[in-house]
Amino acid sequence: MFRQVKSALFWYYLIKFRKRIILIVLLLIIALFANSIYADVVQYLTLKKKLEFLEIVLLAKWIIIIFNIVFSIYLLLTMFKKEEEKVPQKKKEKIKEKEKEKKDFFSSSEKFTEREKQFLHKKKLKTKADILVDK
């Protein structure tokens, strides 16, 4: 049973973060293949006897490798933080929408007198179903 739970969690997170995981895997593959690409470029430059470019190629190789590894680590570390930040933001948006609807309702209700507006602000009218649900 523990294996099933572990497998379910693995597949849940794999599907949930598939875009980010694919990006991380691609970055790490590029970092791994940077060495073989570097070997080919070095061989080409030695054949053409342009050895002055070897320093630039070596720096480019390490810049690519370090950038890919650091960016992959950053993506892994921020994978779960973004999920936590999204939830309160959605709630804030819903609250703002409700407040906006209330303001729109009371601003458009110019037909009401001051006494009626005060009544609408203070009292919350309940139907029989609301009263039964509260019990």
C-alpha atoms as a PDB file:
ATOM      1  CA  MET A   1       0.000   0.000   0.000  1.00  0.00           C
ATOM      2  CA  PHE A   2       2.867   2.361   0.759  1.00  0.00           C
ATOM      3  CA  ARG A   3       4.181   1.771  -2.758  1.00  0.00           C
ATOM      4  CA  GLN A   4       0.829   2.748  -4.245  1.00  0.00           C
ATOM      5  CA  VAL A   5       0.710   5.985  -2.255  1.00  0.00           C
ATOM      6  CA  LYS A   6       4.291   6.776  -3.201  1.00  0.00           C
ATOM      7  CA  SER A   7       3.561   6.054  -6.854  1.00  0.00           C
ATOM      8  CA  ALA A   8       0.388   8.164  -6.793  1.00  0.00           C
ATOM      9  CA  LEU A   9       2.255  11.127  -5.299  1.00  0.00           C
ATOM     10  CA  PHE A  10       5.051  10.750  -7.836  1.00  0.00           C
ATOM     11  CA  TRP A  11       2.673  10.753 -10.801  1.00  0.00           C
ATOM     12  CA  TYR A  12       0.597  13.587  -9.345  1.00  0.00           C
ATOM     13  CA  TYR A  13       3.621  15.890  -9.070  1.00  0.00           C
ATOM     14  CA  LEU A  14       5.021  14.692 -12.378  1.00  0.00           C
ATOM     15  CA  ILE A  15       1.816  15.627 -14.201  1.00  0.00           C
ATOM     16  CA  LYS A  16       1.323  18.840 -12.225  1.00  0.00           C
ATOM     17  CA  PHE A  17       4.824  20.184 -12.953  1.00  0.00           C
ATOM     18  CA  ARG A  18       5.457  18.471 -16.309  1.00  0.00           C
ATOM     19  CA  LYS A  19       6.436  21.647 -18.191  1.00  0.00           C
ATOM     20  CA  ARG A  20       8.963  22.645 -15.579  1.00  0.00           C
ATOM     21  CA  ILE A  21      10.353  19.112 -15.276  1.00  0.00           C
ATOM     22  CA  ILE A  22      10.755  18.828 -19.051  1.00  0.00           C
ATOM     23  CA  LEU A  23      12.623  22.140 -19.083  1.00  0.00           C
ATOM     24  CA  ILE A  24      14.934  20.982 -16.283  1.00  0.00           C
ATOM     25  CA  VAL A  25      15.678  17.706 -18.063  1.00  0.00           C
ATOM     26  CA  LEU A  26      16.442  19.533 -21.327  1.00  0.00           C
ATOM     27  CA  LEU A  27      18.780  21.944 -19.544  1.00  0.00           C
ATOM     28  CA  LEU A  28      20.669  19.082 -17.905  1.00  0.00           C
ATOM     29  CA  ILE A  29      20.938  17.210 -21.221  1.00  0.00           C
ATOM     30  CA  ILE A  30      22.412  20.336 -22.817  1.00  0.00           C
ATOM     31  CA  ALA A  31      24.893  20.582 -19.941  1.00  0.00           C
ATOM     32  CA  LEU A  32      25.903  16.934 -20.421  1.00  0.00           C
ATOM     33  CA  PHE A  33      26.304  17.241 -24.186  1.00  0.00           C
ATOM     34  CA  ALA A  34      28.284  20.481 -23.885  1.00  0.00           C
ATOM     35  CA  ASN A  35      31.463  18.440 -23.311  1.00  0.00           C
ATOM     36  CA  SER A  36      31.050  16.357 -26.478  1.00  0.00           C
ATOM     37  CA  ILE A  37      30.228  19.453 -28.514  1.00  0.00           C
ATOM     38  CA  TYR A  38      33.284  21.131 -27.021  1.00  0.00           C
ATOM     39  CA  ALA A  39      35.481  18.174 -28.073  1.00  0.00           C
ATOM     40  CA  ASP A  40      34.200  18.438 -31.657  1.00  0.00           C
ATOM     41  CA  VAL A  41      34.820  22.189 -31.781  1.00  0.00           C
ATOM     42  CA  VAL A  42      38.336  21.774 -30.378  1.00  0.00           C
ATOM     43  CA  GLN A  43      39.106  19.096 -32.958  1.00  0.00           C
ATOM     44  CA  TYR A  44      37.793  21.349 -35.745  1.00  0.00           C
ATOM     45  CA  LEU A  45      39.839  24.331 -34.552  1.00  0.00           C
ATOM     46  CA  THR A  46      43.037  22.258 -34.324  1.00  0.00           C
ATOM     47  CA  LEU A  47      42.478  20.974 -37.864  1.00  0.00           C
ATOM     48  CA  LYS A  48      42.016  24.506 -39.154  1.00  0.00           C
ATOM     49  CA  LYS A  49      44.957  25.666 -36.986  1.00  0.00           C
ATOM     50  CA  LYS A  50      42.951  28.446 -35.324  1.00  0.00           C
ATOM     51  CA  LEU A  51      44.156  27.815 -31.792  1.00  0.00           C
ATOM     52  CA  GLU A  52      43.531  31.413 -30.648  1.00  0.00           C
ATOM     53  CA  PHE A  53      39.797  30.626 -30.418  1.00  0.00           C
ATOM     54  CA  LEU A  54      40.264  27.684 -28.021  1.00  0.00           C
ATOM     55  CA  GLU A  55      40.128  29.966 -24.986  1.00  0.00           C
ATOM     56  CA  ILE A  56      36.784  31.436 -26.072  1.00  0.00           C
ATOM     57  CA  VAL A  57      35.346  27.987 -26.755  1.00  0.00           C
ATOM     58  CA  LEU A  58      36.422  26.732 -23.319  1.00  0.00           C
ATOM     59  CA  LEU A  59      34.826  29.728 -21.599  1.00  0.00           C
ATOM     60  CA  ALA A  60      31.625  29.292 -23.626  1.00  0.00           C
ATOM     61  CA  LYS A  61      31.441  25.618 -22.655  1.00  0.00           C
ATOM     62  CA  TRP A  62      31.688  26.350 -18.923  1.00  0.00           C
ATOM     63  CA  ILE A  63      29.297  29.271 -19.111  1.00  0.00           C
ATOM     64  CA  ILE A  64      26.712  27.015 -20.773  1.00  0.00           C
ATOM     65  CA  ILE A  65      27.209  24.232 -18.223  1.00  0.00           C
ATOM     66  CA  ILE A  66      27.107  26.492 -15.166  1.00  0.00           C
ATOM     67  CA  PHE A  67      24.112  28.477 -16.436  1.00  0.00           C
ATOM     68  CA  ASN A  68      22.095  25.321 -17.158  1.00  0.00           C
ATOM     69  CA  ILE A  69      22.851  23.782 -13.761  1.00  0.00           C
ATOM     70  CA  VAL A  70      22.122  26.979 -11.819  1.00  0.00           C
ATOM     71  CA  PHE A  71      18.902  27.617 -13.741  1.00  0.00           C
ATOM     72  CA  SER A  72      17.790  24.010 -13.144  1.00  0.00           C
ATOM     73  CA  ILE A  73      18.425  24.369  -9.412  1.00  0.00           C
ATOM     74  CA  TYR A  74      16.478  27.636  -9.389  1.00  0.00           C
ATOM     75  CA  LEU A  75      13.534  25.980 -11.153  1.00  0.00           C
ATOM     76  CA  LEU A  76      13.553  23.118  -8.665  1.00  0.00           C
ATOM     77  CA  LEU A  77      13.660  25.415  -5.639  1.00  0.00           C
ATOM     78  CA  THR A  78      10.861  27.670  -6.871  1.00  0.00           C
ATOM     79  CA  MET A  79       8.647  24.835  -8.064  1.00  0.00           C
ATOM     80  CA  PHE A  80       6.600  24.627  -4.867  1.00  0.00           C
ATOM     81  CA  LYS A  81       6.731  28.296  -3.846  1.00  0.00           C
ATOM     82  CA  LYS A  82       4.735  29.426  -6.883  1.00  0.00           C
ATOM     83  CA  GLU A  83       1.864  27.119  -5.944  1.00  0.00           C
ATOM     84  CA  GLU A  84       1.593  28.678  -2.473  1.00  0.00           C
ATOM     85  CA  GLU A  85       1.596  32.215  -3.875  1.00  0.00           C
ATOM     86  CA  LYS A  86      -1.142  31.524  -6.419  1.00  0.00           C
ATOM     87  CA  VAL A  87      -3.791  30.427  -3.919  1.00  0.00           C
ATOM     88  CA  PRO A  88      -3.997  33.658  -1.859  1.00  0.00           C
ATOM     89  CA  GLN A  89      -3.898  35.706  -5.032  1.00  0.00           C
ATOM     90  CA  LYS A  90      -7.001  33.944  -6.344  1.00  0.00           C
ATOM     91  CA  LYS A  91      -8.814  34.563  -3.070  1.00  0.00           C
ATOM     92  CA  LYS A  92      -7.886  38.239  -3.172  1.00  0.00           C
ATOM     93  CA  GLU A  93      -9.232  38.507  -6.702  1.00  0.00           C
ATOM     94  CA  LYS A  94     -12.547  36.924  -5.679  1.00  0.00           C
ATOM     95  CA  ILE A  95     -12.887  39.316  -2.732  1.00  0.00           C
ATOM     96  CA  LYS A  96     -12.169  42.298  -4.969  1.00  0.00           C
ATOM     97  CA  GLU A  97     -14.780  41.107  -7.477  1.00  0.00           C
ATOM     98  CA  LYS A  98     -17.418  40.771  -4.743  1.00  0.00           C
ATOM     99  CA  GLU A  99     -16.656  44.250  -3.403  1.00  0.00           C
ATOM    100  CA  LYS A 100     -16.834  45.654  -6.904  1.00  0.00           C
ATOM    101  CA  GLU A 101     -20.233  43.998  -7.440  1.00  0.00           C
ATOM    102  CA  LYS A 102     -21.522  45.511  -4.186  1.00  0.00           C
ATOM    103  CA  LYS A 103     -20.286  48.965  -5.153  1.00  0.00           C
ATOM    104  CA  ASP A 104     -21.841  48.626  -8.582  1.00  0.00           C
ATOM    105  CA  PHE A 105     -25.142  47.549  -7.036  1.00  0.00           C
ATOM    106  CA  PHE A 106     -25.325  50.466  -4.634  1.00  0.00           C
ATOM    107  CA  SER A 107     -24.100  53.046  -7.128  1.00  0.00           C
ATOM    108  CA  SER A 108     -26.626  51.908  -9.708  1.00  0.00           C
ATOM    109  CA  SER A 109     -29.428  51.892  -7.177  1.00  0.00           C
ATOM    110  CA  GLU A 110     -30.086  55.606  -7.225  1.00  0.00           C
ATOM    111  CA  LYS A 111     -33.797  54.847  -7.015  1.00  0.00           C
ATOM    112  CA  PHE A 112     -33.499  54.048  -3.324  1.00  0.00           C
ATOM    113  CA  THR A 113     -33.892  56.658  -0.609  1.00  0.00           C
ATOM    114  CA  GLU A 114     -31.250  57.194   2.061  1.00  0.00           C
ATOM    115  CA  ARG A 115     -33.241  55.153   4.568  1.00  0.00           C
ATOM    116  CA  GLU A 116     -33.510  52.222   2.141  1.00  0.00           C
ATOM    117  CA  LYS A 117     -29.790  52.352   1.405  1.00  0.00           C
ATOM    118  CA  GLN A 118     -28.977  52.261   5.129  1.00  0.00           C
ATOM    119  CA  PHE A 119     -31.308  49.311   5.539  1.00  0.00           C
ATOM    120  CA  LEU A 120     -29.622  47.458   2.674  1.00  0.00           C
ATOM    121  CA  HIS A 121     -26.174  48.080   4.130  1.00  0.00           C
ATOM    122  CA  LYS A 122     -27.059  47.010   7.668  1.00  0.00           C
ATOM    123  CA  LYS A 123     -29.502  44.170   7.179  1.00  0.00           C
ATOM    124  CA  LYS A 124     -28.942  40.980   5.318  1.00  0.00           C
ATOM    125  CA  LEU A 125     -32.239  39.584   4.147  1.00  0.00           C
ATOM    126  CA  LYS A 126     -32.599  35.841   4.580  1.00  0.00           C
ATOM    127  CA  THR A 127     -34.909  33.493   2.829  1.00  0.00           C
ATOM    128  CA  LYS A 128     -36.563  30.552   4.544  1.00  0.00           C
ATOM    129  CA  ALA A 129     -33.945  28.235   3.033  1.00  0.00           C
ATOM    130  CA  ASP A 130     -31.125  30.331   4.518  1.00  0.00           C
ATOM    131  CA  ILE A 131     -32.736  30.188   7.931  1.00  0.00           C
ATOM    132  CA  LEU A 132     -33.104  26.401   7.690  1.00  0.00           C
ATOM    133  CA  VAL A 133     -29.478  26.000   6.629  1.00  0.00           C
ATOM    134  CA  ASP A 134     -28.311  28.115   9.571  1.00  0.00           C
ATOM    135  CA  LYS A 135     -30.180  25.822  11.982  1.00  0.00           C
END
